[in-house]
Amino acid sequence: MSVKDHSYRVAGGRVGVLLLHGLCGTPTEMRFVANGLARAGYTVHCPQLAGHCGTEDDIKNTTWQDWYASSEAALIEIRKDCDTVIVGGLSTGAVLSLLLAANHPDKVQGTALFAPTLWLNGWLIPWHARLFRMVFSKRVANMIGFPDLHPHGIKDQRIRDFIQSALFSGDSSTAGLPNTPGGAVLEHRRLVNATKRRIGDIHQPALIVHPREDDYADLDNAWYLQRNLKGMVDMVVLEDSYHIVTVDRQRHVVVDRATSFVEMVVKRLQAATAKAATRASAPGRLVPAAIAA
């Protein structure tokens, strides 16, 4: 089955931001942040990851490598218009952002990680979900489903009602699927394992925005990254949001901090370039005549 492309793009300047949605999510969940960054003059791309915005079978038939290939293709595309690119994402999208940064240090100048999810261990996750760690076969994993439970990662009641209505509308292009196949959760685990092996290679500055009350991914996900990433880390803990921080009550804070972070990365790069130019243009040290003789 062919899935329509719901990617979202806003043209801007030579500084770009690539925003990746979460597992079984859609580019729509990144639109508010994308528009906020676009108002600041940045070029923004929100690609649709492989297998998403379609049916459960569509996502079952993809691997984390397919999701990564989608994000990598989007990175190559945005680099055609931008000299500087910050890659960010929500949940699984944040993990993909980190792997892009590890594999493409020349193309990724910073990462913006929104509720990064290495482990599904938030307060909403039932204790028996831990037993899934013993599942290693994708065929077996796809016999298990993970329903999108109330409150659906949203603390704001009005937005939650909209998301819930969209989830069960039969159209997955807006809010994603109401049920995440176990195979996709297994692929997420494999993606995380691949990314953790590369954490020591990530030296770009990072912004981490994580809610204290995250219903899907506990705050220790963010602390792990804060301790192990090798570049500068700006850590922001939200006090009035659940997991989907890009649309929840503090979405304006997310936009403001993301915009400030991109501005900071650009200024650091400009300062480094100016310093290098000054060194290159400085005259060489004079050698005393006696020594030269």
C-alpha atoms as a PDB file:
ATOM      1  CA  MET A   1       0.000   0.000   0.000  1.00  0.00           C
ATOM      2  CA  SER A   2       1.325   3.428  -0.956  1.00  0.00           C
ATOM      3  CA  VAL A   3       1.303   5.972   1.890  1.00  0.00           C
ATOM      4  CA  LYS A   4       0.827   9.656   1.135  1.00  0.00           C
ATOM      5  CA  ASP A   5       3.713  11.897   2.163  1.00  0.00           C
ATOM      6  CA  HIS A   6       2.691  14.251   4.990  1.00  0.00           C
ATOM      7  CA  SER A   7       6.100  15.875   5.420  1.00  0.00           C
ATOM      8  CA  TYR A   8       6.039  19.554   6.381  1.00  0.00           C
ATOM      9  CA  ARG A   9       8.507  22.198   5.172  1.00  0.00           C
ATOM     10  CA  VAL A  10       8.942  25.939   5.688  1.00  0.00           C
ATOM     11  CA  ALA A  11      11.559  27.812   3.681  1.00  0.00           C
ATOM     12  CA  GLY A  12      13.827  30.282   5.464  1.00  0.00           C
ATOM     13  CA  GLY A  13      17.464  31.264   5.686  1.00  0.00           C
ATOM     14  CA  ARG A  14      20.729  29.345   5.492  1.00  0.00           C
ATOM     15  CA  VAL A  15      20.289  27.968   9.019  1.00  0.00           C
ATOM     16  CA  GLY A  16      18.038  24.921   9.071  1.00  0.00           C
ATOM     17  CA  VAL A  17      16.297  22.786  11.658  1.00  0.00           C
ATOM     18  CA  LEU A  18      15.328  19.194  10.905  1.00  0.00           C
ATOM     19  CA  LEU A  19      12.554  17.940  13.224  1.00  0.00           C
ATOM     20  CA  LEU A  20      11.755  14.224  13.502  1.00  0.00           C
ATOM     21  CA  HIS A  21       8.468  12.930  14.901  1.00  0.00           C
ATOM     22  CA  GLY A  22       8.042  10.068  17.348  1.00  0.00           C
ATOM     23  CA  LEU A  23       7.288   6.367  16.977  1.00  0.00           C
ATOM     24  CA  CYS A  24       3.874   5.841  15.365  1.00  0.00           C
ATOM     25  CA  GLY A  25       3.517   9.629  15.371  1.00  0.00           C
ATOM     26  CA  THR A  26       3.304  12.099  12.490  1.00  0.00           C
ATOM     27  CA  PRO A  27       4.944  15.350  11.317  1.00  0.00           C
ATOM     28  CA  THR A  28       1.877  17.164  12.719  1.00  0.00           C
ATOM     29  CA  GLU A  29       3.212  16.777  16.266  1.00  0.00           C
ATOM     30  CA  MET A  30       6.218  18.887  15.234  1.00  0.00           C
ATOM     31  CA  ARG A  31       4.279  21.598  13.396  1.00  0.00           C
ATOM     32  CA  PHE A  32       3.889  24.062  16.293  1.00  0.00           C
ATOM     33  CA  VAL A  33       7.616  24.041  17.041  1.00  0.00           C
ATOM     34  CA  ALA A  34       8.403  24.150  13.328  1.00  0.00           C
ATOM     35  CA  ASN A  35       6.288  27.257  12.821  1.00  0.00           C
ATOM     36  CA  GLY A  36       7.874  28.951  15.837  1.00  0.00           C
ATOM     37  CA  LEU A  37      11.358  28.331  14.474  1.00  0.00           C
ATOM     38  CA  ALA A  38      10.277  29.431  11.003  1.00  0.00           C
ATOM     39  CA  ARG A  39       9.099  32.770  12.435  1.00  0.00           C
ATOM     40  CA  ALA A  40      12.661  33.264  13.663  1.00  0.00           C
ATOM     41  CA  GLY A  41      13.831  32.971  10.050  1.00  0.00           C
ATOM     42  CA  TYR A  42      15.059  29.387   9.998  1.00  0.00           C
ATOM     43  CA  THR A  43      14.417  26.818   7.287  1.00  0.00           C
ATOM     44  CA  VAL A  44      12.494  23.914   8.840  1.00  0.00           C
ATOM     45  CA  HIS A  45      11.826  20.397   7.559  1.00  0.00           C
ATOM     46  CA  CYS A  46       9.590  17.834   9.316  1.00  0.00           C
ATOM     47  CA  PRO A  47       9.878  14.613   7.290  1.00  0.00           C
ATOM     48  CA  GLN A  48       7.550  11.645   7.485  1.00  0.00           C
ATOM     49  CA  LEU A  49       9.442   8.570   8.669  1.00  0.00           C
ATOM     50  CA  ALA A  50       9.141   5.319   6.714  1.00  0.00           C
ATOM     51  CA  GLY A  51       6.050   3.265   7.527  1.00  0.00           C
ATOM     52  CA  HIS A  52       4.289   6.084   9.369  1.00  0.00           C
ATOM     53  CA  CYS A  53       0.978   7.839   8.674  1.00  0.00           C
ATOM     54  CA  GLY A  54      -0.442   4.592   7.315  1.00  0.00           C
ATOM     55  CA  THR A  55      -1.688   1.314   8.776  1.00  0.00           C
ATOM     56  CA  GLU A  56      -0.327  -0.983  11.468  1.00  0.00           C
ATOM     57  CA  ASP A  57       0.933  -3.267   8.723  1.00  0.00           C
ATOM     58  CA  ASP A  58       2.904  -0.386   7.233  1.00  0.00           C
ATOM     59  CA  ILE A  59       4.803   0.185  10.474  1.00  0.00           C
ATOM     60  CA  LYS A  60       5.188  -3.556  11.101  1.00  0.00           C
ATOM     61  CA  ASN A  61       6.925  -3.927   7.747  1.00  0.00           C
ATOM     62  CA  THR A  62       9.641  -1.372   8.552  1.00  0.00           C
ATOM     63  CA  THR A  63      12.799  -1.509  10.643  1.00  0.00           C
ATOM     64  CA  TRP A  64      14.666   1.136  12.577  1.00  0.00           C
ATOM     65  CA  GLN A  65      17.102   1.257   9.678  1.00  0.00           C
ATOM     66  CA  ASP A  66      14.195   2.338   7.447  1.00  0.00           C
ATOM     67  CA  TRP A  67      13.294   5.130   9.881  1.00  0.00           C
ATOM     68  CA  TYR A  68      16.917   6.195  10.021  1.00  0.00           C
ATOM     69  CA  ALA A  69      17.192   6.155   6.220  1.00  0.00           C
ATOM     70  CA  SER A  70      14.199   8.535   6.074  1.00  0.00           C
ATOM     71  CA  SER A  71      15.836  10.936   8.511  1.00  0.00           C
ATOM     72  CA  GLU A  72      19.197  10.718   6.750  1.00  0.00           C
ATOM     73  CA  ALA A  73      17.600  11.480   3.375  1.00  0.00           C
ATOM     74  CA  ALA A  74      15.872  14.493   4.956  1.00  0.00           C
ATOM     75  CA  LEU A  75      19.204  15.683   6.374  1.00  0.00           C
ATOM     76  CA  ILE A  76      20.838  15.488   2.955  1.00  0.00           C
ATOM     77  CA  GLU A  77      17.883  17.380   1.464  1.00  0.00           C
ATOM     78  CA  ILE A  78      17.904  20.260   3.969  1.00  0.00           C
ATOM     79  CA  ARG A  79      21.669  20.600   3.622  1.00  0.00           C
ATOM     80  CA  LYS A  80      21.114  21.614  -0.006  1.00  0.00           C
ATOM     81  CA  ASP A  81      19.586  24.870   1.288  1.00  0.00           C
ATOM     82  CA  CYS A  82      21.401  25.309   4.605  1.00  0.00           C
ATOM     83  CA  ASP A  83      25.023  25.668   5.717  1.00  0.00           C
ATOM     84  CA  THR A  84      24.167  25.015   9.370  1.00  0.00           C
ATOM     85  CA  VAL A  85      21.674  22.362  10.505  1.00  0.00           C
ATOM     86  CA  ILE A  86      20.369  21.500  13.943  1.00  0.00           C
ATOM     87  CA  VAL A  87      18.606  18.138  14.099  1.00  0.00           C
ATOM     88  CA  GLY A  88      15.883  17.629  16.680  1.00  0.00           C
ATOM     89  CA  GLY A  89      13.088  15.261  17.447  1.00  0.00           C
ATOM     90  CA  LEU A  90      10.440  14.046  19.827  1.00  0.00           C
ATOM     91  CA  SER A  91      10.836  10.754  21.718  1.00  0.00           C
ATOM     92  CA  THR A  92      12.115   8.213  19.158  1.00  0.00           C
ATOM     93  CA  GLY A  93      12.786  11.148  16.820  1.00  0.00           C
ATOM     94  CA  ALA A  94      15.269  12.455  19.395  1.00  0.00           C
ATOM     95  CA  VAL A  95      17.124   9.120  19.335  1.00  0.00           C
ATOM     96  CA  LEU A  96      17.302   9.251  15.541  1.00  0.00           C
ATOM     97  CA  SER A  97      18.662  12.801  15.834  1.00  0.00           C
ATOM     98  CA  LEU A  98      21.497  11.570  18.025  1.00  0.00           C
ATOM     99  CA  LEU A  99      22.436   8.832  15.576  1.00  0.00           C
ATOM    100  CA  LEU A 100      22.473  11.358  12.737  1.00  0.00           C
ATOM    101  CA  ALA A 101      24.775  13.570  14.802  1.00  0.00           C
ATOM    102  CA  ALA A 102      27.119  10.637  15.464  1.00  0.00           C
ATOM    103  CA  ASN A 103      27.246   9.542  11.828  1.00  0.00           C
ATOM    104  CA  HIS A 104      27.345  13.018  10.245  1.00  0.00           C
ATOM    105  CA  PRO A 105      29.359  15.390  12.465  1.00  0.00           C
ATOM    106  CA  ASP A 106      30.075  17.546   9.406  1.00  0.00           C
ATOM    107  CA  LYS A 107      26.388  17.965   8.553  1.00  0.00           C
ATOM    108  CA  VAL A 108      24.837  18.254  12.043  1.00  0.00           C
ATOM    109  CA  GLN A 109      25.899  21.237  14.148  1.00  0.00           C
ATOM    110  CA  GLY A 110      23.623  20.587  17.141  1.00  0.00           C
ATOM    111  CA  THR A 111      20.770  18.447  18.471  1.00  0.00           C
ATOM    112  CA  ALA A 112      17.457  19.452  20.066  1.00  0.00           C
ATOM    113  CA  LEU A 113      16.022  16.528  22.021  1.00  0.00           C
ATOM    114  CA  PHE A 114      12.402  16.711  23.150  1.00  0.00           C
ATOM    115  CA  ALA A 115      11.426  14.036  25.697  1.00  0.00           C
ATOM    116  CA  PRO A 116      14.152  11.704  24.393  1.00  0.00           C
ATOM    117  CA  THR A 117      13.095   8.093  24.949  1.00  0.00           C
ATOM    118  CA  LEU A 118      15.705   5.437  25.531  1.00  0.00           C
ATOM    119  CA  TRP A 119      13.504   3.390  27.841  1.00  0.00           C
ATOM    120  CA  LEU A 120       9.720   3.185  28.126  1.00  0.00           C
ATOM    121  CA  ASN A 121       9.595   3.659  31.888  1.00  0.00           C
ATOM    122  CA  GLY A 122       7.210   6.540  32.588  1.00  0.00           C
ATOM    123  CA  TRP A 123       4.498   6.422  35.237  1.00  0.00           C
ATOM    124  CA  LEU A 124       1.883   5.256  32.698  1.00  0.00           C
ATOM    125  CA  ILE A 125       3.833   2.162  31.605  1.00  0.00           C
ATOM    126  CA  PRO A 126       2.497  -0.957  33.422  1.00  0.00           C
ATOM    127  CA  TRP A 127       4.959  -3.115  35.339  1.00  0.00           C
ATOM    128  CA  HIS A 128       4.330  -6.124  33.096  1.00  0.00           C
ATOM    129  CA  ALA A 129       5.603  -4.178  30.080  1.00  0.00           C
ATOM    130  CA  ARG A 130       9.094  -4.878  31.445  1.00  0.00           C
ATOM    131  CA  LEU A 131       8.590  -8.517  30.472  1.00  0.00           C
ATOM    132  CA  PHE A 132       8.747  -7.393  26.837  1.00  0.00           C
ATOM    133  CA  ARG A 133      12.499  -7.026  27.299  1.00  0.00           C
ATOM    134  CA  MET A 134      12.677 -10.808  27.016  1.00  0.00           C
ATOM    135  CA  VAL A 135      11.156 -10.708  23.499  1.00  0.00           C
ATOM    136  CA  PHE A 136      13.777 -10.763  20.742  1.00  0.00           C
ATOM    137  CA  SER A 137      11.805 -12.124  17.780  1.00  0.00           C
ATOM    138  CA  LYS A 138       9.970  -9.575  15.668  1.00  0.00           C
ATOM    139  CA  ARG A 139       7.369 -12.174  14.665  1.00  0.00           C
ATOM    140  CA  VAL A 140       6.566 -12.787  18.326  1.00  0.00           C
ATOM    141  CA  ALA A 141       6.758  -9.067  19.130  1.00  0.00           C
ATOM    142  CA  ASN A 142       4.138  -8.267  16.485  1.00  0.00           C
ATOM    143  CA  MET A 143       1.676 -10.519  18.317  1.00  0.00           C
ATOM    144  CA  ILE A 144       1.763  -7.955  21.135  1.00  0.00           C
ATOM    145  CA  GLY A 145       0.253  -4.493  20.981  1.00  0.00           C
ATOM    146  CA  PHE A 146       0.882  -1.364  23.043  1.00  0.00           C
ATOM    147  CA  PRO A 147      -2.316   0.737  23.024  1.00  0.00           C
ATOM    148  CA  ASP A 148      -2.077   4.506  23.292  1.00  0.00           C
ATOM    149  CA  LEU A 149      -3.508   4.929  26.791  1.00  0.00           C
ATOM    150  CA  HIS A 150      -5.165   7.902  28.468  1.00  0.00           C
ATOM    151  CA  PRO A 151      -3.861  10.632  28.890  1.00  0.00           C
ATOM    152  CA  HIS A 152      -2.104  10.017  25.544  1.00  0.00           C
ATOM    153  CA  GLY A 153       1.024  11.939  26.545  1.00  0.00           C
ATOM    154  CA  ILE A 154      -0.949  15.183  26.873  1.00  0.00           C
ATOM    155  CA  LYS A 155      -1.669  17.075  30.097  1.00  0.00           C
ATOM    156  CA  ASP A 156      -3.782  19.837  28.514  1.00  0.00           C
ATOM    157  CA  GLN A 157      -7.394  18.595  28.489  1.00  0.00           C
ATOM    158  CA  ARG A 158      -8.461  20.523  25.378  1.00  0.00           C
ATOM    159  CA  ILE A 159      -5.530  19.305  23.302  1.00  0.00           C
ATOM    160  CA  ARG A 160      -5.918  15.793  24.714  1.00  0.00           C
ATOM    161  CA  ASP A 161      -9.534  15.645  23.562  1.00  0.00           C
ATOM    162  CA  PHE A 162      -8.470  16.656  20.061  1.00  0.00           C
ATOM    163  CA  ILE A 163      -5.660  14.074  19.989  1.00  0.00           C
ATOM    164  CA  GLN A 164      -7.950  11.327  21.283  1.00  0.00           C
ATOM    165  CA  SER A 165     -10.557  12.103  18.634  1.00  0.00           C
ATOM    166  CA  ALA A 166      -7.897  12.067  15.897  1.00  0.00           C
ATOM    167  CA  LEU A 167      -6.361   8.817  17.168  1.00  0.00           C
ATOM    168  CA  PHE A 168      -9.590   6.898  16.728  1.00  0.00           C
ATOM    169  CA  SER A 169     -10.771   8.655  13.568  1.00  0.00           C
ATOM    170  CA  GLY A 170      -9.314   6.028  11.243  1.00  0.00           C
ATOM    171  CA  ASP A 171      -6.931   8.592   9.712  1.00  0.00           C
ATOM    172  CA  SER A 172      -3.444   8.122  11.184  1.00  0.00           C
ATOM    173  CA  SER A 173      -1.928  11.092   9.340  1.00  0.00           C
ATOM    174  CA  THR A 174      -2.799  13.590  12.116  1.00  0.00           C
ATOM    175  CA  ALA A 175      -2.222  11.905  15.474  1.00  0.00           C
ATOM    176  CA  GLY A 176      -0.717   8.569  14.494  1.00  0.00           C
ATOM    177  CA  LEU A 177      -1.862   5.062  15.372  1.00  0.00           C
ATOM    178  CA  PRO A 178      -3.941   4.242  18.478  1.00  0.00           C
ATOM    179  CA  ASN A 179      -1.920   1.052  18.927  1.00  0.00           C
ATOM    180  CA  THR A 180       1.838   0.578  18.583  1.00  0.00           C
ATOM    181  CA  PRO A 181       2.756  -2.892  17.323  1.00  0.00           C
ATOM    182  CA  GLY A 182       5.243  -4.757  19.495  1.00  0.00           C
ATOM    183  CA  GLY A 183       7.495  -5.136  16.477  1.00  0.00           C
ATOM    184  CA  ALA A 184       7.902  -1.356  16.330  1.00  0.00           C
ATOM    185  CA  VAL A 185       8.744  -1.272  20.046  1.00  0.00           C
ATOM    186  CA  LEU A 186      11.348  -3.984  19.447  1.00  0.00           C
ATOM    187  CA  GLU A 187      12.820  -1.955  16.578  1.00  0.00           C
ATOM    188  CA  HIS A 188      12.933   1.072  18.877  1.00  0.00           C
ATOM    189  CA  ARG A 189      14.960  -0.972  21.367  1.00  0.00           C
ATOM    190  CA  ARG A 190      17.379  -1.964  18.605  1.00  0.00           C
ATOM    191  CA  LEU A 191      17.685   1.683  17.530  1.00  0.00           C
ATOM    192  CA  VAL A 192      18.463   2.722  21.101  1.00  0.00           C
ATOM    193  CA  ASN A 193      21.132   0.045  21.434  1.00  0.00           C
ATOM    194  CA  ALA A 194      22.760   1.182  18.188  1.00  0.00           C
ATOM    195  CA  THR A 195      22.660   4.820  19.322  1.00  0.00           C
ATOM    196  CA  LYS A 196      24.038   4.168  22.811  1.00  0.00           C
ATOM    197  CA  ARG A 197      27.071   2.540  21.233  1.00  0.00           C
ATOM    198  CA  ARG A 198      27.774   5.866  19.475  1.00  0.00           C
ATOM    199  CA  ILE A 199      27.094   8.282  22.364  1.00  0.00           C
ATOM    200  CA  GLY A 200      30.825   8.835  22.857  1.00  0.00           C
ATOM    201  CA  ASP A 201      31.088  10.129  19.278  1.00  0.00           C
ATOM    202  CA  ILE A 202      28.553  12.937  19.736  1.00  0.00           C
ATOM    203  CA  HIS A 203      30.368  16.195  20.473  1.00  0.00           C
ATOM    204  CA  GLN A 204      27.837  18.690  19.112  1.00  0.00           C
ATOM    205  CA  PRO A 205      25.987  20.914  21.600  1.00  0.00           C
ATOM    206  CA  ALA A 206      22.620  19.556  22.683  1.00  0.00           C
ATOM    207  CA  LEU A 207      19.383  20.942  24.035  1.00  0.00           C
ATOM    208  CA  ILE A 208      17.368  18.483  26.142  1.00  0.00           C
ATOM    209  CA  VAL A 209      13.767  19.385  27.041  1.00  0.00           C
ATOM    210  CA  HIS A 210      12.101  16.761  29.216  1.00  0.00           C
ATOM    211  CA  PRO A 211       8.961  16.850  31.384  1.00  0.00           C
ATOM    212  CA  ARG A 212       9.281  15.897  35.032  1.00  0.00           C
ATOM    213  CA  GLU A 213       5.915  14.092  34.824  1.00  0.00           C
ATOM    214  CA  ASP A 214       6.598  12.255  31.561  1.00  0.00           C
ATOM    215  CA  ASP A 215       4.044   9.444  31.342  1.00  0.00           C
ATOM    216  CA  TYR A 216       6.066   7.408  28.815  1.00  0.00           C
ATOM    217  CA  ALA A 217       9.748   8.112  29.486  1.00  0.00           C
ATOM    218  CA  ASP A 218      11.030   8.907  32.961  1.00  0.00           C
ATOM    219  CA  LEU A 219      13.334  11.869  33.511  1.00  0.00           C
ATOM    220  CA  ASP A 220      16.267   9.472  33.914  1.00  0.00           C
ATOM    221  CA  ASN A 221      16.281   9.187  30.094  1.00  0.00           C
ATOM    222  CA  ALA A 222      17.341  12.827  29.919  1.00  0.00           C
ATOM    223  CA  TRP A 223      19.828  12.545  32.790  1.00  0.00           C
ATOM    224  CA  TYR A 224      21.529   9.611  31.062  1.00  0.00           C
ATOM    225  CA  LEU A 225      22.096  11.736  27.960  1.00  0.00           C
ATOM    226  CA  GLN A 226      23.151  14.750  30.000  1.00  0.00           C
ATOM    227  CA  ARG A 227      25.873  12.659  31.644  1.00  0.00           C
ATOM    228  CA  ASN A 228      27.086  10.826  28.543  1.00  0.00           C
ATOM    229  CA  LEU A 229      26.951  13.256  25.625  1.00  0.00           C
ATOM    230  CA  LYS A 230      30.387  14.752  25.000  1.00  0.00           C
ATOM    231  CA  GLY A 231      29.372  18.250  23.951  1.00  0.00           C
ATOM    232  CA  MET A 232      27.760  21.118  25.844  1.00  0.00           C
ATOM    233  CA  VAL A 233      24.280  20.203  27.141  1.00  0.00           C
ATOM    234  CA  ASP A 234      21.497  22.679  27.924  1.00  0.00           C
ATOM    235  CA  MET A 235      18.999  20.797  30.124  1.00  0.00           C
ATOM    236  CA  VAL A 236      15.429  22.060  30.570  1.00  0.00           C
ATOM    237  CA  VAL A 237      12.950  20.292  32.872  1.00  0.00           C
ATOM    238  CA  LEU A 238       9.289  21.133  32.235  1.00  0.00           C
ATOM    239  CA  GLU A 239       6.958  21.204  35.224  1.00  0.00           C
ATOM    240  CA  ASP A 240       3.578  21.286  33.473  1.00  0.00           C
ATOM    241  CA  SER A 241       3.697  18.849  30.541  1.00  0.00           C
ATOM    242  CA  TYR A 242       3.447  15.175  29.795  1.00  0.00           C
ATOM    243  CA  HIS A 243       5.367  13.300  27.084  1.00  0.00           C
ATOM    244  CA  ILE A 244       4.377  15.134  23.880  1.00  0.00           C
ATOM    245  CA  VAL A 245       5.992  18.411  24.892  1.00  0.00           C
ATOM    246  CA  THR A 246       5.787  19.844  21.383  1.00  0.00           C
ATOM    247  CA  VAL A 247       2.001  20.293  21.648  1.00  0.00           C
ATOM    248  CA  ASP A 248       1.291  20.249  25.394  1.00  0.00           C
ATOM    249  CA  ARG A 249       0.837  23.115  27.874  1.00  0.00           C
ATOM    250  CA  GLN A 250       4.435  24.325  27.753  1.00  0.00           C
ATOM    251  CA  ARG A 251       4.848  24.164  23.980  1.00  0.00           C
ATOM    252  CA  HIS A 252       5.670  27.902  23.947  1.00  0.00           C
ATOM    253  CA  VAL A 253       8.566  27.232  26.326  1.00  0.00           C
ATOM    254  CA  VAL A 254       9.771  24.503  23.956  1.00  0.00           C
ATOM    255  CA  VAL A 255       9.722  26.944  21.042  1.00  0.00           C
ATOM    256  CA  ASP A 256      11.477  29.686  23.004  1.00  0.00           C
ATOM    257  CA  ARG A 257      14.232  27.406  24.272  1.00  0.00           C
ATOM    258  CA  ALA A 258      14.699  25.765  20.886  1.00  0.00           C
ATOM    259  CA  THR A 259      14.937  29.154  19.169  1.00  0.00           C
ATOM    260  CA  SER A 260      17.475  30.404  21.736  1.00  0.00           C
ATOM    261  CA  PHE A 261      19.472  27.206  21.370  1.00  0.00           C
ATOM    262  CA  VAL A 262      19.696  27.489  17.579  1.00  0.00           C
ATOM    263  CA  GLU A 263      20.744  31.137  17.938  1.00  0.00           C
ATOM    264  CA  MET A 264      23.438  30.121  20.426  1.00  0.00           C
ATOM    265  CA  VAL A 265      24.786  27.398  18.118  1.00  0.00           C
ATOM    266  CA  VAL A 266      24.966  29.856  15.222  1.00  0.00           C
ATOM    267  CA  LYS A 267      26.800  32.464  17.315  1.00  0.00           C
ATOM    268  CA  ARG A 268      29.320  29.884  18.527  1.00  0.00           C
ATOM    269  CA  LEU A 269      29.988  28.790  14.957  1.00  0.00           C
ATOM    270  CA  GLN A 270      30.378  32.383  13.807  1.00  0.00           C
ATOM    271  CA  ALA A 271      32.791  33.130  16.655  1.00  0.00           C
ATOM    272  CA  ALA A 272      34.838  30.032  15.833  1.00  0.00           C
ATOM    273  CA  THR A 273      34.968  30.996  12.156  1.00  0.00           C
ATOM    274  CA  ALA A 274      36.050  34.564  12.989  1.00  0.00           C
ATOM    275  CA  LYS A 275      38.755  33.272  15.333  1.00  0.00           C
ATOM    276  CA  ALA A 276      40.086  30.900  12.679  1.00  0.00           C
ATOM    277  CA  ALA A 277      40.122  33.710  10.110  1.00  0.00           C
ATOM    278  CA  THR A 278      42.053  35.968  12.498  1.00  0.00           C
ATOM    279  CA  ARG A 279      44.658  33.281  13.079  1.00  0.00           C
ATOM    280  CA  ALA A 280      45.001  32.653   9.343  1.00  0.00           C
ATOM    281  CA  SER A 281      45.527  36.341   8.572  1.00  0.00           C
ATOM    282  CA  ALA A 282      47.961  37.058  11.425  1.00  0.00           C
ATOM    283  CA  PRO A 283      51.573  37.698  10.264  1.00  0.00           C
ATOM    284  CA  GLY A 284      54.137  35.034  11.133  1.00  0.00           C
ATOM    285  CA  ARG A 285      56.529  35.648  14.000  1.00  0.00           C
ATOM    286  CA  LEU A 286      59.702  37.509  12.996  1.00  0.00           C
ATOM    287  CA  VAL A 287      62.895  35.493  13.374  1.00  0.00           C
ATOM    288  CA  PRO A 288      65.796  37.513  14.897  1.00  0.00           C
ATOM    289  CA  ALA A 289      68.546  38.170  12.361  1.00  0.00           C
ATOM    290  CA  ALA A 290      71.189  36.529  14.548  1.00  0.00           C
ATOM    291  CA  ILE A 291      69.255  33.293  14.636  1.00  0.00           C
ATOM    292  CA  ALA A 292      68.433  33.481  10.944  1.00  0.00           C
ATOM    293  CA  ALA A 293      72.100  33.869  10.187  1.00  0.00           C
END
